[in-house]
Amino acid sequence: MSLKIGIVGLPNVGKSTIFNALTKTKSAQAANYPFCTIDPNVGIVQVPDHRLDELAKVSNSSKIIPAVIEFVDIAGLVKGASEGEGLGNKFLAHIRECSAIAHVIRAFDDSNVIHVHGNIDPKFDKEIIESELILADIQTVENRLAKGEKDAKSGDRDKKSYVELLKKILDGLKQEKIANEMDLSEEEKKMIRDLHLLTMKPHLYILNVHEKDIATIDKQSYAEALGVKNIDKIIPISAAVEEELGGFTEDEAKEYLEELGIQETGLNSLIKVAYKTLGLITYFTSGPMETRAWTIHDGDLAPQAAGVIHTDFEKGFIKAEVFNWEDFVNAGGESKAKERGMMRLEGKEYTVKDGDVMHFKFSP
């Protein structure tokens, strides 16, 4: 499955610099003026997972294929974007294609870097971004409501229910509530899925902090100041640190992180939070040809997991050979794990677990 995260933020908050650092590229033009990023820049990042190397070693795999995340650096947003200001409509269109939205919020002071509103105010920056997304969603819902009310004149009960749901969401948006924080049932969420509301997407918050503050940042204080209920969605990242890490070997990076007093890179922190927020897990296939990581939703059944490899696997699913990844490694590979009785045969109702090693049987 494709995982795409849109990196957004006001001009000059360090968004493109962070994109360059995270993706270890220089494709996004980092300049000290608004709208230096006009078309979205895309970076593909491998998801770090030590289990891949261990599985590949015992399987003598010819190649390793990790899971990936696609980061999209989207042009800076300004007040009035929902009405076409700045690069408004283009900006909003690119966000609709993303799985989640990562707000880059400036939490550093530097007189050499212009702030689009003249002063550093993370809460104000967050509110501008969210208000523009809300205004865009209001337009979407109002347009659909006009059509829905015409359709509901037929007296159809389902169409009337749909209109009431749209009114409920519109009322919430006008009260400056984002859709993913509204009290909506799973059924109601399914009913509005085709609207692709921007504020229904999961939101993460990247605090672009100074290098000297990265180890001591008070996430709780920022969460309270920003009005973010889940502290885990606050991800402090120093663009300067991430840029330096891009040129280091693995051992050098580890030593540098220890010197700074932090446990992992900003990229790894962001990936972990993204997976958790989106409810994603990883399973593996492993053999002589390749060891590969596959991303699925937590709760997916075996046929759905098979379908990520190929739709034919899901349609013709018969059963799955399943190993715990640690059993697979400790035994010394597939054949030895089977000899020790570590393999399970699972059917269509099996819920795949993070770290499962799976081989599928299917009928063409």
Protein backbone atom coordinates (compact mmCIF):
# COMPACT_ATOMS: atom_id res chain seq x y z
CA MET A 1 0.00 0.00 0.00
CA SER A 2 1.12 3.55 -0.70
CA LEU A 3 1.82 5.76 2.32
CA LYS A 4 2.08 9.45 1.48
CA ILE A 5 2.65 12.24 3.99
CA GLY A 6 2.20 15.87 2.98
CA ILE A 7 4.62 18.27 4.66
CA VAL A 8 2.91 21.64 5.02
CA GLY A 9 3.51 24.89 6.80
CA LEU A 10 3.64 28.64 6.43
CA PRO A 11 6.45 30.10 4.31
CA ASN A 12 9.88 30.17 5.95
CA VAL A 13 9.16 27.79 8.83
CA GLY A 14 11.90 25.44 7.57
CA LYS A 15 9.55 23.07 5.76
CA SER A 16 11.67 22.53 2.64
CA THR A 17 14.86 22.33 4.68
CA ILE A 18 13.30 19.58 6.79
CA PHE A 19 12.06 17.80 3.66
CA ASN A 20 15.59 17.87 2.20
CA ALA A 21 17.06 16.57 5.43
CA LEU A 22 14.53 13.80 5.94
CA THR A 23 14.76 12.54 2.38
CA LYS A 24 18.53 13.18 2.13
CA THR A 25 17.97 15.16 -1.07
CA LYS A 26 18.43 18.70 -2.28
CA SER A 27 15.42 18.58 -4.57
CA ALA A 28 13.37 21.14 -2.62
CA GLN A 29 14.73 24.63 -3.11
CA ALA A 30 15.37 26.10 0.34
CA ALA A 31 15.31 29.88 -0.03
CA ASN A 32 14.56 32.73 2.34
CA TYR A 33 11.42 33.99 0.63
CA PRO A 34 7.79 32.80 0.37
CA PHE A 35 6.74 30.28 -2.27
CA CYS A 36 10.22 29.01 -3.09
CA THR A 37 8.52 25.61 -3.41
CA ILE A 38 5.92 25.95 -6.16
CA ASP A 39 5.36 22.38 -7.35
CA PRO A 40 5.34 19.60 -4.80
CA ASN A 41 8.66 17.86 -4.36
CA VAL A 42 8.50 14.15 -3.68
CA GLY A 43 10.98 12.08 -1.71
CA ILE A 44 10.83 8.33 -1.16
CA VAL A 45 12.22 7.24 2.21
CA GLN A 46 12.99 3.69 3.28
CA VAL A 47 11.41 2.65 6.58
CA PRO A 48 14.24 1.53 8.90
CA ASP A 49 13.62 -2.00 10.25
CA HIS A 50 16.39 -4.13 11.76
CA ARG A 51 14.25 -7.24 11.31
CA LEU A 52 14.79 -7.14 7.54
CA ASP A 53 18.56 -7.66 7.82
CA GLU A 54 18.17 -10.50 10.29
CA LEU A 55 15.59 -12.28 8.14
CA ALA A 56 17.62 -11.79 4.97
CA LYS A 57 20.71 -13.24 6.63
CA VAL A 58 19.10 -16.56 7.58
CA SER A 59 17.30 -16.78 4.22
CA ASN A 60 20.46 -15.93 2.25
CA SER A 61 18.35 -13.43 0.32
CA SER A 62 19.77 -11.89 -2.85
CA LYS A 63 18.13 -8.56 -2.06
CA ILE A 64 16.30 -6.67 0.65
CA ILE A 65 13.28 -4.51 -0.12
CA PRO A 66 12.15 -2.28 2.76
CA ALA A 67 8.80 -0.57 3.12
CA VAL A 68 8.79 3.05 1.99
CA ILE A 69 7.08 6.33 2.83
CA GLU A 70 6.52 9.04 0.26
CA PHE A 71 7.01 12.57 1.56
CA VAL A 72 5.52 15.44 -0.42
CA ASP A 73 6.87 18.93 0.18
CA ILE A 74 3.91 21.19 -0.57
CA ALA A 75 4.14 24.91 -1.31
CA GLY A 76 3.84 27.29 1.66
CA LEU A 77 0.38 28.26 2.80
CA VAL A 78 -0.75 31.78 3.64
CA LYS A 79 -3.93 33.22 5.08
CA GLY A 80 -6.55 33.24 2.36
CA ALA A 81 -5.35 30.08 0.58
CA SER A 82 -8.87 28.65 0.60
CA GLU A 83 -9.91 31.68 -1.46
CA GLY A 84 -6.99 31.35 -3.86
CA GLU A 85 -4.40 33.54 -2.09
CA GLY A 86 -0.76 32.61 -2.59
CA LEU A 87 -0.76 29.17 -4.16
CA GLY A 88 -4.03 28.30 -2.45
CA ASN A 89 -5.97 25.99 -4.75
CA LYS A 90 -2.84 24.19 -5.91
CA PHE A 91 -1.76 23.66 -2.29
CA LEU A 92 -5.12 22.25 -1.25
CA ALA A 93 -5.31 19.90 -4.24
CA HIS A 94 -1.95 18.33 -3.38
CA ILE A 95 -2.99 17.73 0.25
CA ARG A 96 -6.03 15.73 -0.83
CA GLU A 97 -3.72 13.07 -2.29
CA CYS A 98 -1.90 12.47 1.02
CA SER A 99 -2.56 9.86 3.74
CA ALA A 100 -1.65 12.26 6.54
CA ILE A 101 -0.67 15.89 7.03
CA ALA A 102 2.50 16.87 8.87
CA HIS A 103 2.47 20.52 9.95
CA VAL A 104 5.93 22.03 10.25
CA ILE A 105 5.73 24.68 12.96
CA ARG A 106 8.59 27.07 13.58
CA ALA A 107 9.82 26.93 17.17
CA PHE A 108 13.20 28.61 16.69
CA ASP A 109 14.18 32.28 16.58
CA ASP A 110 16.55 33.54 13.89
CA SER A 111 16.64 37.17 12.80
CA ASN A 112 18.22 36.11 9.51
CA VAL A 113 15.16 34.08 8.50
CA ILE A 114 12.06 36.17 7.76
CA HIS A 115 8.78 35.05 9.33
CA VAL A 116 5.82 35.63 7.04
CA HIS A 117 3.85 37.28 9.88
CA GLY A 118 6.78 39.06 11.50
CA ASN A 119 6.99 37.15 14.79
CA ILE A 120 7.40 33.58 16.10
CA ASP A 121 4.05 32.28 17.33
CA PRO A 122 3.60 28.48 16.89
CA LYS A 123 -0.06 28.51 17.99
CA PHE A 124 -0.93 31.29 15.53
CA ASP A 125 0.87 29.43 12.71
CA LYS A 126 -1.05 26.23 13.48
CA GLU A 127 -4.36 28.09 13.59
CA ILE A 128 -3.77 29.71 10.19
CA ILE A 129 -3.04 26.36 8.56
CA GLU A 130 -6.04 24.67 10.18
CA SER A 131 -8.41 27.56 9.48
CA GLU A 132 -7.57 27.42 5.77
CA LEU A 133 -8.16 23.66 5.71
CA ILE A 134 -11.47 24.18 7.55
CA LEU A 135 -12.57 26.88 5.09
CA ALA A 136 -11.75 24.59 2.16
CA ASP A 137 -13.78 21.79 3.78
CA ILE A 138 -16.71 24.15 4.38
CA GLN A 139 -16.80 24.84 0.63
CA THR A 140 -16.70 21.11 -0.11
CA VAL A 141 -19.51 20.28 2.34
CA GLU A 142 -21.71 23.21 1.24
CA ASN A 143 -21.42 22.13 -2.40
CA ARG A 144 -22.34 18.55 -1.54
CA LEU A 145 -25.15 19.69 0.78
CA ALA A 146 -26.80 21.69 -2.02
CA LYS A 147 -26.90 18.56 -4.16
CA GLY A 148 -27.90 16.36 -1.22
CA GLU A 149 -30.90 18.52 -0.34
CA LYS A 150 -32.17 18.26 -3.92
CA ASP A 151 -31.78 14.47 -3.83
CA ALA A 152 -33.51 14.22 -0.42
CA LYS A 153 -36.71 15.79 -1.80
CA SER A 154 -37.53 12.35 -3.16
CA GLY A 155 -38.26 11.31 0.43
CA ASP A 156 -35.57 8.61 0.49
CA ARG A 157 -34.68 7.93 4.14
CA ASP A 158 -30.95 7.30 3.47
CA LYS A 159 -30.63 10.52 1.49
CA LYS A 160 -32.30 12.47 4.31
CA SER A 161 -29.88 10.92 6.81
CA TYR A 162 -26.97 11.92 4.59
CA VAL A 163 -28.19 15.53 4.49
CA GLU A 164 -28.45 15.60 8.30
CA LEU A 165 -24.90 14.26 8.57
CA LEU A 166 -23.61 16.96 6.21
CA LYS A 167 -25.35 19.63 8.28
CA LYS A 168 -23.82 18.22 11.44
CA ILE A 169 -20.31 18.35 9.93
CA LEU A 170 -20.86 21.81 8.45
CA ASP A 171 -21.99 23.11 11.83
CA GLY A 172 -18.82 21.68 13.45
CA LEU A 173 -16.54 23.18 10.80
CA LYS A 174 -18.17 26.60 11.25
CA GLN A 175 -17.36 26.29 14.95
CA GLU A 176 -13.71 25.83 13.88
CA LYS A 177 -13.62 22.13 14.71
CA ILE A 178 -11.60 19.86 12.45
CA ALA A 179 -13.49 16.85 11.12
CA ASN A 180 -11.25 14.18 12.64
CA GLU A 181 -12.04 15.50 16.13
CA MET A 182 -15.82 15.50 15.65
CA ASP A 183 -18.01 12.87 17.28
CA LEU A 184 -18.64 10.70 14.22
CA SER A 185 -19.43 6.99 14.15
CA GLU A 186 -17.49 4.62 11.89
CA GLU A 187 -20.56 4.38 9.67
CA GLU A 188 -20.77 8.17 9.38
CA LYS A 189 -17.07 8.33 8.49
CA LYS A 190 -17.66 5.81 5.70
CA MET A 191 -20.58 7.89 4.40
CA ILE A 192 -18.39 10.97 3.90
CA ARG A 193 -15.22 9.22 2.76
CA ASP A 194 -15.75 10.30 -0.85
CA LEU A 195 -15.65 13.96 0.22
CA HIS A 196 -11.91 13.63 0.97
CA LEU A 197 -12.14 16.27 3.67
CA LEU A 198 -8.76 17.81 4.44
CA THR A 199 -9.45 18.04 8.18
CA MET A 200 -10.46 14.36 8.32
CA LYS A 201 -6.88 13.35 7.56
CA PRO A 202 -4.64 12.52 10.55
CA HIS A 203 -2.52 15.49 11.58
CA LEU A 204 1.04 15.36 12.96
CA TYR A 205 3.02 18.34 14.22
CA ILE A 206 6.72 18.75 13.49
CA LEU A 207 8.36 21.34 15.74
CA ASN A 208 11.35 22.77 13.92
CA VAL A 209 13.61 23.54 16.89
CA HIS A 210 17.13 24.84 17.34
CA GLU A 211 19.90 22.27 17.52
CA LYS A 212 20.73 23.17 21.12
CA ASP A 213 17.11 22.62 22.21
CA ILE A 214 16.42 19.25 20.57
CA ALA A 215 17.22 17.13 23.66
CA THR A 216 15.38 19.32 26.17
CA ILE A 217 12.22 20.34 24.33
CA ASP A 218 9.11 20.20 26.54
CA LYS A 219 6.61 18.36 24.34
CA GLN A 220 3.87 18.60 26.95
CA SER A 221 4.07 22.39 27.09
CA TYR A 222 3.95 22.66 23.31
CA ALA A 223 1.04 20.21 23.14
CA GLU A 224 -0.91 22.34 25.60
CA ALA A 225 0.02 25.59 23.86
CA LEU A 226 -0.97 24.21 20.46
CA GLY A 227 -4.15 22.55 21.73
CA VAL A 228 -2.97 19.08 20.65
CA LYS A 229 -4.54 16.40 22.86
CA ASN A 230 -2.17 13.57 21.95
CA ILE A 231 1.39 14.48 22.98
CA ASP A 232 2.78 11.69 20.76
CA LYS A 233 1.74 13.70 17.70
CA ILE A 234 4.27 16.41 18.67
CA ILE A 235 7.57 15.55 16.95
CA PRO A 236 10.55 17.82 17.70
CA ILE A 237 13.01 17.87 14.80
CA SER A 238 16.06 20.03 14.24
CA ALA A 239 16.51 20.59 10.53
CA ALA A 240 20.19 21.37 11.17
CA VAL A 241 20.74 18.07 12.97
CA GLU A 242 18.94 16.04 10.30
CA GLU A 243 21.01 17.72 7.56
CA GLU A 244 24.24 16.78 9.31
CA LEU A 245 23.10 13.20 9.84
CA GLY A 246 22.58 12.87 6.10
CA GLY A 247 26.35 12.82 5.57
CA PHE A 248 27.23 10.43 8.39
CA THR A 249 27.83 6.70 8.46
CA GLU A 250 25.59 4.63 10.74
CA ASP A 251 28.23 4.55 13.51
CA GLU A 252 28.95 8.27 13.18
CA ALA A 253 25.24 9.06 13.34
CA LYS A 254 24.82 6.95 16.48
CA GLU A 255 27.73 8.73 18.17
CA TYR A 256 26.41 12.16 17.16
CA LEU A 257 22.93 11.40 18.52
CA GLU A 258 24.45 10.28 21.82
CA GLU A 259 26.40 13.54 22.03
CA LEU A 260 23.17 15.48 21.52
CA GLY A 261 21.37 13.39 24.14
CA ILE A 262 18.68 12.01 21.82
CA GLN A 263 17.88 8.37 21.06
CA GLU A 264 16.90 8.42 17.39
CA THR A 265 16.74 10.61 14.32
CA GLY A 266 13.82 12.90 13.64
CA LEU A 267 13.01 10.80 10.59
CA ASN A 268 12.68 7.61 12.64
CA SER A 269 10.50 9.41 15.20
CA LEU A 270 8.25 10.75 12.44
CA ILE A 271 7.89 7.33 10.79
CA LYS A 272 6.99 5.63 14.08
CA VAL A 273 4.35 8.25 14.88
CA ALA A 274 2.96 8.09 11.33
CA TYR A 275 2.60 4.30 11.47
CA LYS A 276 0.94 4.44 14.87
CA THR A 277 -1.38 7.31 13.91
CA LEU A 278 -2.45 5.63 10.68
CA GLY A 279 -2.82 2.23 12.33
CA LEU A 280 -0.21 0.50 10.18
CA ILE A 281 1.89 -2.61 10.80
CA THR A 282 4.51 -4.59 8.87
CA TYR A 283 4.67 -8.22 7.80
CA PHE A 284 7.46 -9.92 5.84
CA THR A 285 8.10 -12.37 3.06
CA SER A 286 11.54 -13.96 3.13
CA GLY A 287 13.36 -16.41 0.89
CA PRO A 288 16.49 -16.83 -1.26
CA MET A 289 15.33 -14.32 -3.89
CA GLU A 290 14.39 -11.49 -1.52
CA THR A 291 13.33 -10.45 1.94
CA ARG A 292 10.65 -7.79 1.80
CA ALA A 293 8.58 -5.66 4.18
CA TRP A 294 4.90 -5.10 3.43
CA THR A 295 2.78 -2.38 5.02
CA ILE A 296 -0.84 -3.17 5.95
CA HIS A 297 -3.49 -1.87 8.33
CA ASP A 298 -3.55 -3.26 11.84
CA GLY A 299 -6.50 -5.66 11.90
CA ASP A 300 -6.19 -6.79 8.28
CA LEU A 301 -7.00 -10.45 7.67
CA ALA A 302 -4.65 -12.80 5.80
CA PRO A 303 -6.39 -12.42 2.39
CA GLN A 304 -6.16 -8.62 2.63
CA ALA A 305 -2.46 -8.86 3.49
CA ALA A 306 -1.96 -11.16 0.50
CA GLY A 307 -3.74 -8.63 -1.71
CA VAL A 308 -1.03 -6.06 -1.00
CA ILE A 309 1.36 -8.30 -2.94
CA HIS A 310 -1.10 -8.93 -5.78
CA THR A 311 -4.88 -8.81 -6.11
CA ASP A 312 -4.84 -12.40 -7.44
CA PHE A 313 -3.39 -13.55 -4.11
CA GLU A 314 -6.42 -12.14 -2.31
CA LYS A 315 -9.00 -13.43 -4.79
CA GLY A 316 -7.60 -16.96 -4.86
CA PHE A 317 -6.42 -17.11 -1.23
CA ILE A 318 -6.35 -20.65 0.21
CA LYS A 319 -4.12 -20.46 3.30
CA ALA A 320 -0.98 -18.86 4.69
CA GLU A 321 2.15 -20.32 6.22
CA VAL A 322 2.93 -18.05 9.17
CA PHE A 323 6.05 -17.72 11.33
CA ASN A 324 6.90 -15.34 14.14
CA TRP A 325 9.87 -13.39 12.79
CA GLU A 326 12.02 -14.09 15.85
CA ASP A 327 11.28 -17.83 15.65
CA PHE A 328 12.18 -17.71 11.96
CA VAL A 329 15.55 -16.06 12.71
CA ASN A 330 16.40 -18.09 15.82
CA ALA A 331 15.68 -21.35 14.03
CA GLY A 332 17.98 -20.41 11.16
CA GLY A 333 15.46 -19.94 8.37
CA GLU A 334 12.27 -21.43 6.92
CA SER A 335 13.11 -25.13 6.66
CA LYS A 336 14.58 -25.36 10.16
CA ALA A 337 11.66 -23.38 11.61
CA LYS A 338 9.28 -25.89 10.00
CA GLU A 339 11.28 -28.80 11.41
CA ARG A 340 10.89 -27.34 14.90
CA GLY A 341 7.13 -26.94 14.48
CA MET A 342 7.27 -23.14 14.43
CA MET A 343 5.09 -22.75 11.35
CA ARG A 344 1.31 -22.32 11.58
CA LEU A 345 -1.20 -22.79 8.78
CA GLU A 346 -3.77 -19.98 8.93
CA GLY A 347 -6.97 -19.45 6.96
CA LYS A 348 -9.09 -16.55 5.78
CA GLU A 349 -10.05 -15.39 9.27
CA TYR A 350 -6.49 -15.00 10.55
CA THR A 351 -5.63 -11.47 11.72
CA VAL A 352 -2.09 -10.66 10.67
CA LYS A 353 0.30 -9.53 13.42
CA ASP A 354 3.17 -7.09 13.20
CA GLY A 355 6.34 -9.03 12.46
CA ASP A 356 4.68 -12.10 10.92
CA VAL A 357 6.67 -13.85 8.20
CA MET A 358 4.12 -15.14 5.67
CA HIS A 359 4.01 -17.31 2.56
CA PHE A 360 0.67 -17.50 0.77
CA LYS A 361 -1.01 -20.41 -1.01
CA PHE A 362 -3.56 -19.38 -3.61
CA SER A 363 -5.37 -20.72 -6.65
CA PRO A 364 -4.81 -18.77 -9.90
